[in-house]
Amino acid sequence: MSTQQTIQIPVGKLSQQMCAVLRIITAEQALSDAVFQYIDIQSDSIQWEPIFSLDLGTGFRAAIHFAYAAWTDQLKPGSQLFEDALNMSPDLQRACLKAFGIRWGL
């Protein structure tokens, strides 16, 4: 039996970066379960180092790299973003595209 995590979104406007990151990590429940504890919506902050230390498959790791790029406007050094994206599920791939649309205000 799995328990689904409820994400509490605060009243008020979230940053475009936070909305983009949330779009990616909530695309798959298992990814959200692993990562959400490191995201503080109230203070608009993310603890990236513990997230990068998680033992994630290549598809989830690629999604995290896309989320990091949306958050920082830069690639994480050493990431193989587009090559690793081939290992993402179609839902994660779509979420990443939508996240960049959110980030860029499209």
PDB file of N, CA and C in Angstrom:
ATOM      1  N   MET A   1       0.850  -1.170   0.000  1.00  0.00           N
ATOM      2  CA  MET A   1       0.000   0.000   0.000  1.00  0.00           C
ATOM      3  C   MET A   1       0.894   1.231   0.000  1.00  0.00           C
ATOM      4  N   SER A   2       0.697   2.113  -0.942  1.00  0.00           N
ATOM      5  CA  SER A   2       1.515   3.323  -1.019  1.00  0.00           C
ATOM      6  C   SER A   2       0.747   4.501  -0.446  1.00  0.00           C
ATOM      7  N   THR A   3       1.505   5.393   0.148  1.00  0.00           N
ATOM      8  CA  THR A   3       0.899   6.621   0.652  1.00  0.00           C
ATOM      9  C   THR A   3       1.304   7.749  -0.261  1.00  0.00           C
ATOM     10  N   GLN A   4       0.354   8.490  -0.689  1.00  0.00           N
ATOM     11  CA  GLN A   4       0.623   9.599  -1.595  1.00  0.00           C
ATOM     12  C   GLN A   4       0.838  10.858  -0.777  1.00  0.00           C
ATOM     13  N   GLN A   5       1.938  11.542  -1.057  1.00  0.00           N
ATOM     14  CA  GLN A   5       2.287  12.756  -0.333  1.00  0.00           C
ATOM     15  C   GLN A   5       1.452  13.916  -0.846  1.00  0.00           C
ATOM     16  N   THR A   6       0.931  14.694   0.074  1.00  0.00           N
ATOM     17  CA  THR A   6       0.193  15.889  -0.296  1.00  0.00           C
ATOM     18  C   THR A   6       1.131  17.074  -0.204  1.00  0.00           C
ATOM     19  N   ILE A   7       1.213  17.836  -1.264  1.00  0.00           N
ATOM     20  CA  ILE A   7       2.081  19.003  -1.301  1.00  0.00           C
ATOM     21  C   ILE A   7       1.236  20.223  -0.987  1.00  0.00           C
ATOM     22  N   GLN A   8       1.620  20.927   0.060  1.00  0.00           N
ATOM     23  CA  GLN A   8       0.911  22.137   0.457  1.00  0.00           C
ATOM     24  C   GLN A   8       1.517  23.337  -0.269  1.00  0.00           C
ATOM     25  N   ILE A   9       0.739  23.982  -1.088  1.00  0.00           N
ATOM     26  CA  ILE A   9       1.192  25.179  -1.805  1.00  0.00           C
ATOM     27  C   ILE A   9       0.712  26.388  -1.017  1.00  0.00           C
ATOM     28  N   PRO A  10       1.627  27.283  -0.643  1.00  0.00           N
ATOM     29  CA  PRO A  10       1.236  28.442   0.160  1.00  0.00           C
ATOM     30  C   PRO A  10       0.404  29.429  -0.639  1.00  0.00           C
ATOM     31  N   VAL A  11      -0.371  30.200   0.094  1.00  0.00           N
ATOM     32  CA  VAL A  11      -1.124  31.267  -0.545  1.00  0.00           C
ATOM     33  C   VAL A  11      -0.121  32.333  -0.950  1.00  0.00           C
ATOM     34  N   GLY A  12      -0.277  32.857  -2.129  1.00  0.00           N
ATOM     35  CA  GLY A  12       0.672  33.847  -2.631  1.00  0.00           C
ATOM     36  C   GLY A  12       1.344  33.293  -3.869  1.00  0.00           C
ATOM     37  N   LYS A  13       2.153  34.102  -4.449  1.00  0.00           N
ATOM     38  CA  LYS A  13       2.769  33.726  -5.712  1.00  0.00           C
ATOM     39  C   LYS A  13       4.099  33.023  -5.497  1.00  0.00           C
ATOM     40  N   LEU A  14       4.262  31.897  -6.146  1.00  0.00           N
ATOM     41  CA  LEU A  14       5.533  31.186  -6.153  1.00  0.00           C
ATOM     42  C   LEU A  14       6.402  31.757  -7.266  1.00  0.00           C
ATOM     43  N   SER A  15       7.706  31.677  -7.080  1.00  0.00           N
ATOM     44  CA  SER A  15       8.618  32.130  -8.136  1.00  0.00           C
ATOM     45  C   SER A  15       8.467  31.228  -9.361  1.00  0.00           C
ATOM     46  N   GLN A  16       8.820  31.764 -10.514  1.00  0.00           N
ATOM     47  CA  GLN A  16       8.782  30.955 -11.737  1.00  0.00           C
ATOM     48  C   GLN A  16       9.721  29.769 -11.617  1.00  0.00           C
ATOM     49  N   GLN A  17      10.864  29.978 -10.968  1.00  0.00           N
ATOM     50  CA  GLN A  17      11.811  28.888 -10.792  1.00  0.00           C
ATOM     51  C   GLN A  17      11.197  27.769  -9.952  1.00  0.00           C
ATOM     52  N   MET A  18      10.544  28.128  -8.855  1.00  0.00           N
ATOM     53  CA  MET A  18       9.938  27.110  -7.991  1.00  0.00           C
ATOM     54  C   MET A  18       8.812  26.387  -8.729  1.00  0.00           C
ATOM     55  N   CYS A  19       8.004  27.120  -9.452  1.00  0.00           N
ATOM     56  CA  CYS A  19       6.922  26.480 -10.225  1.00  0.00           C
ATOM     57  C   CYS A  19       7.491  25.494 -11.237  1.00  0.00           C
ATOM     58  N   ALA A  20       8.593  25.863 -11.878  1.00  0.00           N
ATOM     59  CA  ALA A  20       9.222  24.982 -12.867  1.00  0.00           C
ATOM     60  C   ALA A  20       9.754  23.715 -12.205  1.00  0.00           C
ATOM     61  N   VAL A  21      10.452  23.877 -11.083  1.00  0.00           N
ATOM     62  CA  VAL A  21      10.989  22.721 -10.367  1.00  0.00           C
ATOM     63  C   VAL A  21       9.857  21.813  -9.899  1.00  0.00           C
ATOM     64  N   LEU A  22       8.817  22.387  -9.339  1.00  0.00           N
ATOM     65  CA  LEU A  22       7.690  21.580  -8.874  1.00  0.00           C
ATOM     66  C   LEU A  22       7.014  20.835 -10.014  1.00  0.00           C
ATOM     67  N   ARG A  23       6.945  21.458 -11.170  1.00  0.00           N
ATOM     68  CA  ARG A  23       6.333  20.800 -12.335  1.00  0.00           C
ATOM     69  C   ARG A  23       7.097  19.529 -12.684  1.00  0.00           C
ATOM     70  N   ILE A  24       8.416  19.603 -12.590  1.00  0.00           N
ATOM     71  CA  ILE A  24       9.234  18.435 -12.924  1.00  0.00           C
ATOM     72  C   ILE A  24       9.132  17.364 -11.843  1.00  0.00           C
ATOM     73  N   ILE A  25       9.355  17.736 -10.593  1.00  0.00           N
ATOM     74  CA  ILE A  25       9.440  16.686  -9.570  1.00  0.00           C
ATOM     75  C   ILE A  25       8.094  16.057  -9.243  1.00  0.00           C
ATOM     76  N   THR A  26       7.007  16.743  -9.530  1.00  0.00           N
ATOM     77  CA  THR A  26       5.695  16.146  -9.256  1.00  0.00           C
ATOM     78  C   THR A  26       5.157  15.341 -10.436  1.00  0.00           C
ATOM     79  N   ALA A  27       5.926  15.244 -11.498  1.00  0.00           N
ATOM     80  CA  ALA A  27       5.471  14.473 -12.661  1.00  0.00           C
ATOM     81  C   ALA A  27       5.412  12.981 -12.360  1.00  0.00           C
ATOM     82  N   GLU A  28       6.239  12.520 -11.432  1.00  0.00           N
ATOM     83  CA  GLU A  28       6.243  11.111 -11.043  1.00  0.00           C
ATOM     84  C   GLU A  28       6.276  11.031  -9.523  1.00  0.00           C
ATOM     85  N   GLN A  29       5.368  10.281  -8.949  1.00  0.00           N
ATOM     86  CA  GLN A  29       5.228  10.193  -7.497  1.00  0.00           C
ATOM     87  C   GLN A  29       6.519   9.742  -6.813  1.00  0.00           C
ATOM     88  N   ALA A  30       7.205   8.760  -7.384  1.00  0.00           N
ATOM     89  CA  ALA A  30       8.423   8.252  -6.747  1.00  0.00           C
ATOM     90  C   ALA A  30       9.504   9.333  -6.681  1.00  0.00           C
ATOM     91  N   LEU A  31       9.594  10.158  -7.699  1.00  0.00           N
ATOM     92  CA  LEU A  31      10.563  11.248  -7.691  1.00  0.00           C
ATOM     93  C   LEU A  31      10.179  12.285  -6.648  1.00  0.00           C
ATOM     94  N   SER A  32       8.927  12.639  -6.602  1.00  0.00           N
ATOM     95  CA  SER A  32       8.435  13.593  -5.612  1.00  0.00           C
ATOM     96  C   SER A  32       8.697  13.085  -4.195  1.00  0.00           C
ATOM     97  N   ASP A  33       8.423  11.806  -3.940  1.00  0.00           N
ATOM     98  CA  ASP A  33       8.643  11.221  -2.622  1.00  0.00           C
ATOM     99  C   ASP A  33      10.108  11.320  -2.205  1.00  0.00           C
ATOM    100  N   ALA A  34      11.024  11.130  -3.153  1.00  0.00           N
ATOM    101  CA  ALA A  34      12.449  11.145  -2.841  1.00  0.00           C
ATOM    102  C   ALA A  34      12.991  12.552  -2.626  1.00  0.00           C
ATOM    103  N   VAL A  35      12.455  13.525  -3.338  1.00  0.00           N
ATOM    104  CA  VAL A  35      13.082  14.846  -3.412  1.00  0.00           C
ATOM    105  C   VAL A  35      12.383  15.914  -2.584  1.00  0.00           C
ATOM    106  N   PHE A  36      11.100  15.798  -2.391  1.00  0.00           N
ATOM    107  CA  PHE A  36      10.336  16.922  -1.843  1.00  0.00           C
ATOM    108  C   PHE A  36      10.802  17.361  -0.467  1.00  0.00           C
ATOM    109  N   GLN A  37      11.368  16.468   0.310  1.00  0.00           N
ATOM    110  CA  GLN A  37      11.841  16.832   1.649  1.00  0.00           C
ATOM    111  C   GLN A  37      12.947  17.881   1.620  1.00  0.00           C
ATOM    112  N   TYR A  38      13.583  18.063   0.482  1.00  0.00           N
ATOM    113  CA  TYR A  38      14.679  19.034   0.347  1.00  0.00           C
ATOM    114  C   TYR A  38      14.223  20.361  -0.257  1.00  0.00           C
ATOM    115  N   ILE A  39      12.929  20.497  -0.452  1.00  0.00           N
ATOM    116  CA  ILE A  39      12.380  21.720  -1.044  1.00  0.00           C
ATOM    117  C   ILE A  39      11.562  22.445   0.013  1.00  0.00           C
ATOM    118  N   ASP A  40      11.862  23.718   0.194  1.00  0.00           N
ATOM    119  CA  ASP A  40      11.130  24.551   1.142  1.00  0.00           C
ATOM    120  C   ASP A  40      10.379  25.617   0.342  1.00  0.00           C
ATOM    121  N   ILE A  41       9.121  25.346   0.119  1.00  0.00           N
ATOM    122  CA  ILE A  41       8.306  26.263  -0.684  1.00  0.00           C
ATOM    123  C   ILE A  41       8.149  27.603   0.028  1.00  0.00           C
ATOM    124  N   GLN A  42       7.990  27.552   1.339  1.00  0.00           N
ATOM    125  CA  GLN A  42       7.771  28.795   2.102  1.00  0.00           C
ATOM    126  C   GLN A  42       8.926  29.780   1.944  1.00  0.00           C
ATOM    127  N   SER A  43      10.165  29.277   1.974  1.00  0.00           N
ATOM    128  CA  SER A  43      11.317  30.178   1.864  1.00  0.00           C
ATOM    129  C   SER A  43      11.888  30.216   0.447  1.00  0.00           C
ATOM    130  N   ASP A  44      11.217  29.545  -0.486  1.00  0.00           N
ATOM    131  CA  ASP A  44      11.652  29.531  -1.888  1.00  0.00           C
ATOM    132  C   ASP A  44      13.111  29.083  -1.988  1.00  0.00           C
ATOM    133  N   SER A  45      13.387  27.919  -1.379  1.00  0.00           N
ATOM    134  CA  SER A  45      14.765  27.419  -1.390  1.00  0.00           C
ATOM    135  C   SER A  45      14.778  25.906  -1.617  1.00  0.00           C
ATOM    136  N   ILE A  46      15.894  25.456  -2.164  1.00  0.00           N
ATOM    137  CA  ILE A  46      16.082  24.035  -2.453  1.00  0.00           C
ATOM    138  C   ILE A  46      17.486  23.644  -2.010  1.00  0.00           C
ATOM    139  N   GLN A  47      17.585  22.524  -1.315  1.00  0.00           N
ATOM    140  CA  GLN A  47      18.877  21.971  -0.918  1.00  0.00           C
ATOM    141  C   GLN A  47      19.342  21.011  -2.014  1.00  0.00           C
ATOM    142  N   TRP A  48      20.147  21.496  -2.922  1.00  0.00           N
ATOM    143  CA  TRP A  48      20.526  20.701  -4.087  1.00  0.00           C
ATOM    144  C   TRP A  48      21.515  19.590  -3.762  1.00  0.00           C
ATOM    145  N   GLU A  49      22.482  19.845  -2.899  1.00  0.00           N
ATOM    146  CA  GLU A  49      23.509  18.826  -2.642  1.00  0.00           C
ATOM    147  C   GLU A  49      22.922  17.511  -2.132  1.00  0.00           C
ATOM    148  N   PRO A  50      22.002  17.531  -1.154  1.00  0.00           N
ATOM    149  CA  PRO A  50      21.412  16.244  -0.739  1.00  0.00           C
ATOM    150  C   PRO A  50      20.622  15.576  -1.871  1.00  0.00           C
ATOM    151  N   ILE A  51      20.007  16.375  -2.717  1.00  0.00           N
ATOM    152  CA  ILE A  51      19.260  15.798  -3.843  1.00  0.00           C
ATOM    153  C   ILE A  51      20.214  15.103  -4.798  1.00  0.00           C
ATOM    154  N   PHE A  52      21.344  15.754  -5.110  1.00  0.00           N
ATOM    155  CA  PHE A  52      22.315  15.146  -6.017  1.00  0.00           C
ATOM    156  C   PHE A  52      22.964  13.903  -5.407  1.00  0.00           C
ATOM    157  N   SER A  53      22.918  13.777  -4.098  1.00  0.00           N
ATOM    158  CA  SER A  53      23.505  12.614  -3.419  1.00  0.00           C
ATOM    159  C   SER A  53      22.563  11.410  -3.378  1.00  0.00           C
ATOM    160  N   LEU A  54      21.294  11.608  -3.735  1.00  0.00           N
ATOM    161  CA  LEU A  54      20.333  10.508  -3.714  1.00  0.00           C
ATOM    162  C   LEU A  54      20.700   9.452  -4.751  1.00  0.00           C
ATOM    163  N   ASP A  55      20.379   8.218  -4.458  1.00  0.00           N
ATOM    164  CA  ASP A  55      20.609   7.110  -5.382  1.00  0.00           C
ATOM    165  C   ASP A  55      19.394   7.001  -6.308  1.00  0.00           C
ATOM    166  N   LEU A  56      19.454   7.732  -7.412  1.00  0.00           N
ATOM    167  CA  LEU A  56      18.343   7.782  -8.365  1.00  0.00           C
ATOM    168  C   LEU A  56      18.759   7.135  -9.675  1.00  0.00           C
ATOM    169  N   GLY A  57      17.793   6.597 -10.383  1.00  0.00           N
ATOM    170  CA  GLY A  57      18.056   6.071 -11.708  1.00  0.00           C
ATOM    171  C   GLY A  57      18.384   7.193 -12.678  1.00  0.00           C
ATOM    172  N   THR A  58      18.872   6.838 -13.849  1.00  0.00           N
ATOM    173  CA  THR A  58      19.307   7.866 -14.805  1.00  0.00           C
ATOM    174  C   THR A  58      18.167   8.764 -15.267  1.00  0.00           C
ATOM    175  N   GLY A  59      16.969   8.243 -15.385  1.00  0.00           N
ATOM    176  CA  GLY A  59      15.839   9.073 -15.795  1.00  0.00           C
ATOM    177  C   GLY A  59      15.493  10.118 -14.751  1.00  0.00           C
ATOM    178  N   PHE A  60      15.435   9.692 -13.494  1.00  0.00           N
ATOM    179  CA  PHE A  60      15.150  10.641 -12.412  1.00  0.00           C
ATOM    180  C   PHE A  60      16.310  11.624 -12.246  1.00  0.00           C
ATOM    181  N   ARG A  61      17.547  11.138 -12.373  1.00  0.00           N
ATOM    182  CA  ARG A  61      18.704  12.021 -12.247  1.00  0.00           C
ATOM    183  C   ARG A  61      18.674  13.089 -13.349  1.00  0.00           C
ATOM    184  N   ALA A  62      18.306  12.694 -14.546  1.00  0.00           N
ATOM    185  CA  ALA A  62      18.192  13.669 -15.641  1.00  0.00           C
ATOM    186  C   ALA A  62      17.121  14.700 -15.319  1.00  0.00           C
ATOM    187  N   ALA A  63      15.996  14.254 -14.774  1.00  0.00           N
ATOM    188  CA  ALA A  63      14.931  15.189 -14.415  1.00  0.00           C
ATOM    189  C   ALA A  63      15.420  16.182 -13.361  1.00  0.00           C
ATOM    190  N   ILE A  64      16.213  15.712 -12.408  1.00  0.00           N
ATOM    191  CA  ILE A  64      16.780  16.600 -11.387  1.00  0.00           C
ATOM    192  C   ILE A  64      17.726  17.607 -12.034  1.00  0.00           C
ATOM    193  N   HIS A  65      18.500  17.181 -12.992  1.00  0.00           N
ATOM    194  CA  HIS A  65      19.402  18.108 -13.689  1.00  0.00           C
ATOM    195  C   HIS A  65      18.615  19.163 -14.464  1.00  0.00           C
ATOM    196  N   PHE A  66      17.510  18.767 -15.068  1.00  0.00           N
ATOM    197  CA  PHE A  66      16.660  19.751 -15.736  1.00  0.00           C
ATOM    198  C   PHE A  66      16.075  20.725 -14.716  1.00  0.00           C
ATOM    199  N   ALA A  67      15.637  20.211 -13.574  1.00  0.00           N
ATOM    200  CA  ALA A  67      15.094  21.077 -12.527  1.00  0.00           C
ATOM    201  C   ALA A  67      16.158  22.053 -12.025  1.00  0.00           C
ATOM    202  N   TYR A  68      17.370  21.568 -11.846  1.00  0.00           N
ATOM    203  CA  TYR A  68      18.479  22.426 -11.405  1.00  0.00           C
ATOM    204  C   TYR A  68      18.743  23.526 -12.445  1.00  0.00           C
ATOM    205  N   ALA A  69      18.708  23.166 -13.713  1.00  0.00           N
ATOM    206  CA  ALA A  69      18.919  24.151 -14.779  1.00  0.00           C
ATOM    207  C   ALA A  69      17.809  25.204 -14.778  1.00  0.00           C
ATOM    208  N   ALA A  70      16.583  24.780 -14.541  1.00  0.00           N
ATOM    209  CA  ALA A  70      15.475  25.740 -14.476  1.00  0.00           C
ATOM    210  C   ALA A  70      15.617  26.649 -13.257  1.00  0.00           C
ATOM    211  N   TRP A  71      16.152  26.117 -12.177  1.00  0.00           N
ATOM    212  CA  TRP A  71      16.311  26.884 -10.943  1.00  0.00           C
ATOM    213  C   TRP A  71      17.458  27.890 -11.035  1.00  0.00           C
ATOM    214  N   THR A  72      18.587  27.459 -11.618  1.00  0.00           N
ATOM    215  CA  THR A  72      19.809  28.273 -11.594  1.00  0.00           C
ATOM    216  C   THR A  72      20.135  28.960 -12.914  1.00  0.00           C
ATOM    217  N   ASP A  73      19.429  28.613 -13.966  1.00  0.00           N
ATOM    218  CA  ASP A  73      19.741  29.111 -15.310  1.00  0.00           C
ATOM    219  C   ASP A  73      21.123  28.685 -15.774  1.00  0.00           C
ATOM    220  N   GLN A  74      21.566  27.541 -15.300  1.00  0.00           N
ATOM    221  CA  GLN A  74      22.843  26.995 -15.757  1.00  0.00           C
ATOM    222  C   GLN A  74      22.824  25.478 -15.615  1.00  0.00           C
ATOM    223  N   LEU A  75      23.708  24.821 -16.353  1.00  0.00           N
ATOM    224  CA  LEU A  75      23.815  23.372 -16.262  1.00  0.00           C
ATOM    225  C   LEU A  75      24.722  22.994 -15.109  1.00  0.00           C
ATOM    226  N   LYS A  76      24.414  21.881 -14.476  1.00  0.00           N
ATOM    227  CA  LYS A  76      25.309  21.365 -13.449  1.00  0.00           C
ATOM    228  C   LYS A  76      26.539  20.816 -14.168  1.00  0.00           C
ATOM    229  N   PRO A  77      27.733  21.223 -13.744  1.00  0.00           N
ATOM    230  CA  PRO A  77      28.943  20.723 -14.408  1.00  0.00           C
ATOM    231  C   PRO A  77      28.979  19.195 -14.444  1.00  0.00           C
ATOM    232  N   GLY A  78      29.319  18.673 -15.603  1.00  0.00           N
ATOM    233  CA  GLY A  78      29.413  17.230 -15.781  1.00  0.00           C
ATOM    234  C   GLY A  78      28.115  16.539 -16.144  1.00  0.00           C
ATOM    235  N   SER A  79      27.014  17.272 -16.180  1.00  0.00           N
ATOM    236  CA  SER A  79      25.743  16.629 -16.528  1.00  0.00           C
ATOM    237  C   SER A  79      25.664  16.390 -18.032  1.00  0.00           C
ATOM    238  N   GLN A  80      25.068  15.295 -18.380  1.00  0.00           N
ATOM    239  CA  GLN A  80      24.823  14.924 -19.781  1.00  0.00           C
ATOM    240  C   GLN A  80      23.324  15.049 -20.030  1.00  0.00           C
ATOM    241  N   LEU A  81      22.850  16.262 -19.934  1.00  0.00           N
ATOM    242  CA  LEU A  81      21.427  16.537 -19.879  1.00  0.00           C
ATOM    243  C   LEU A  81      20.627  15.861 -20.989  1.00  0.00           C
ATOM    244  N   PHE A  82      20.983  16.097 -22.216  1.00  0.00           N
ATOM    245  CA  PHE A  82      20.156  15.612 -23.315  1.00  0.00           C
ATOM    246  C   PHE A  82      20.344  14.122 -23.561  1.00  0.00           C
ATOM    247  N   GLU A  83      21.532  13.615 -23.327  1.00  0.00           N
ATOM    248  CA  GLU A  83      21.748  12.181 -23.452  1.00  0.00           C
ATOM    249  C   GLU A  83      20.957  11.429 -22.382  1.00  0.00           C
ATOM    250  N   ASP A  84      21.024  11.918 -21.137  1.00  0.00           N
ATOM    251  CA  ASP A  84      20.303  11.267 -20.046  1.00  0.00           C
ATOM    252  C   ASP A  84      18.793  11.410 -20.181  1.00  0.00           C
ATOM    253  N   ALA A  85      18.349  12.459 -20.860  1.00  0.00           N
ATOM    254  CA  ALA A  85      16.910  12.668 -21.043  1.00  0.00           C
ATOM    255  C   ALA A  85      16.275  11.506 -21.802  1.00  0.00           C
ATOM    256  N   LEU A  86      17.062  10.798 -22.576  1.00  0.00           N
ATOM    257  CA  LEU A  86      16.534   9.640 -23.304  1.00  0.00           C
ATOM    258  C   LEU A  86      16.081   8.537 -22.350  1.00  0.00           C
ATOM    259  N   ASN A  87      16.539   8.582 -21.112  1.00  0.00           N
ATOM    260  CA  ASN A  87      16.159   7.585 -20.114  1.00  0.00           C
ATOM    261  C   ASN A  87      14.959   8.012 -19.268  1.00  0.00           C
ATOM    262  N   MET A  88      14.445   9.206 -19.523  1.00  0.00           N
ATOM    263  CA  MET A  88      13.284   9.671 -18.772  1.00  0.00           C
ATOM    264  C   MET A  88      12.009   9.092 -19.376  1.00  0.00           C
ATOM    265  N   SER A  89      11.010   8.930 -18.531  1.00  0.00           N
ATOM    266  CA  SER A  89       9.702   8.505 -19.017  1.00  0.00           C
ATOM    267  C   SER A  89       9.104   9.638 -19.855  1.00  0.00           C
ATOM    268  N   PRO A  90       8.159   9.330 -20.711  1.00  0.00           N
ATOM    269  CA  PRO A  90       7.497  10.396 -21.475  1.00  0.00           C
ATOM    270  C   PRO A  90       6.862  11.461 -20.573  1.00  0.00           C
ATOM    271  N   ASP A  91       6.321  11.046 -19.419  1.00  0.00           N
ATOM    272  CA  ASP A  91       5.739  12.025 -18.497  1.00  0.00           C
ATOM    273  C   ASP A  91       6.788  13.005 -17.990  1.00  0.00           C
ATOM    274  N   LEU A  92       7.964  12.509 -17.654  1.00  0.00           N
ATOM    275  CA  LEU A  92       9.039  13.398 -17.194  1.00  0.00           C
ATOM    276  C   LEU A  92       9.544  14.292 -18.329  1.00  0.00           C
ATOM    277  N   GLN A  93       9.654  13.748 -19.513  1.00  0.00           N
ATOM    278  CA  GLN A  93      10.094  14.564 -20.654  1.00  0.00           C
ATOM    279  C   GLN A  93       9.120  15.714 -20.901  1.00  0.00           C
ATOM    280  N   ARG A  94       7.827  15.409 -20.891  1.00  0.00           N
ATOM    281  CA  ARG A  94       6.819  16.461 -21.068  1.00  0.00           C
ATOM    282  C   ARG A  94       6.881  17.480 -19.938  1.00  0.00           C
ATOM    283  N   ALA A  95       7.059  16.999 -18.711  1.00  0.00           N
ATOM    284  CA  ALA A  95       7.136  17.902 -17.562  1.00  0.00           C
ATOM    285  C   ALA A  95       8.316  18.856 -17.691  1.00  0.00           C
ATOM    286  N   CYS A  96       9.442  18.364 -18.180  1.00  0.00           N
ATOM    287  CA  CYS A  96      10.618  19.231 -18.358  1.00  0.00           C
ATOM    288  C   CYS A  96      10.348  20.303 -19.403  1.00  0.00           C
ATOM    289  N   LEU A  97       9.729  19.940 -20.498  1.00  0.00           N
ATOM    290  CA  LEU A  97       9.396  20.937 -21.520  1.00  0.00           C
ATOM    291  C   LEU A  97       8.426  21.983 -20.969  1.00  0.00           C
ATOM    292  N   LYS A  98       7.414  21.523 -20.244  1.00  0.00           N
ATOM    293  CA  LYS A  98       6.457  22.453 -19.646  1.00  0.00           C
ATOM    294  C   LYS A  98       7.123  23.334 -18.603  1.00  0.00           C
ATOM    295  N   ALA A  99       8.068  22.759 -17.852  1.00  0.00           N
ATOM    296  CA  ALA A  99       8.762  23.527 -16.813  1.00  0.00           C
ATOM    297  C   ALA A  99       9.563  24.685 -17.418  1.00  0.00           C
ATOM    298  N   PHE A 100      10.211  24.451 -18.527  1.00  0.00           N
ATOM    299  CA  PHE A 100      10.959  25.550 -19.145  1.00  0.00           C
ATOM    300  C   PHE A 100      10.035  26.597 -19.724  1.00  0.00           C
ATOM    301  N   GLY A 101       8.867  26.181 -20.188  1.00  0.00           N
ATOM    302  CA  GLY A 101       7.865  27.163 -20.595  1.00  0.00           C
ATOM    303  C   GLY A 101       7.443  28.036 -19.413  1.00  0.00           C
ATOM    304  N   ILE A 102       7.258  27.416 -18.262  1.00  0.00           N
ATOM    305  CA  ILE A 102       6.916  28.172 -17.041  1.00  0.00           C
ATOM    306  C   ILE A 102       8.065  29.098 -16.687  1.00  0.00           C
ATOM    307  N   ARG A 103       9.284  28.572 -16.690  1.00  0.00           N
ATOM    308  CA  ARG A 103      10.464  29.347 -16.299  1.00  0.00           C
ATOM    309  C   ARG A 103      10.656  30.569 -17.177  1.00  0.00           C
ATOM    310  N   TRP A 104      10.383  30.421 -18.470  1.00  0.00           N
ATOM    311  CA  TRP A 104      10.580  31.503 -19.433  1.00  0.00           C
ATOM    312  C   TRP A 104       9.342  32.382 -19.597  1.00  0.00           C
ATOM    313  N   GLY A 105       8.299  32.076 -18.840  1.00  0.00           N
ATOM    314  CA  GLY A 105       7.087  32.882 -18.886  1.00  0.00           C
ATOM    315  C   GLY A 105       6.278  32.724 -20.150  1.00  0.00           C
ATOM    316  N   LEU A 106       6.331  31.549 -20.741  1.00  0.00           N
ATOM    317  CA  LEU A 106       5.581  31.293 -21.986  1.00  0.00           C
ATOM    318  C   LEU A 106       4.185  30.784 -21.709  1.00  0.00           C
TER     319      LEU A 106
END
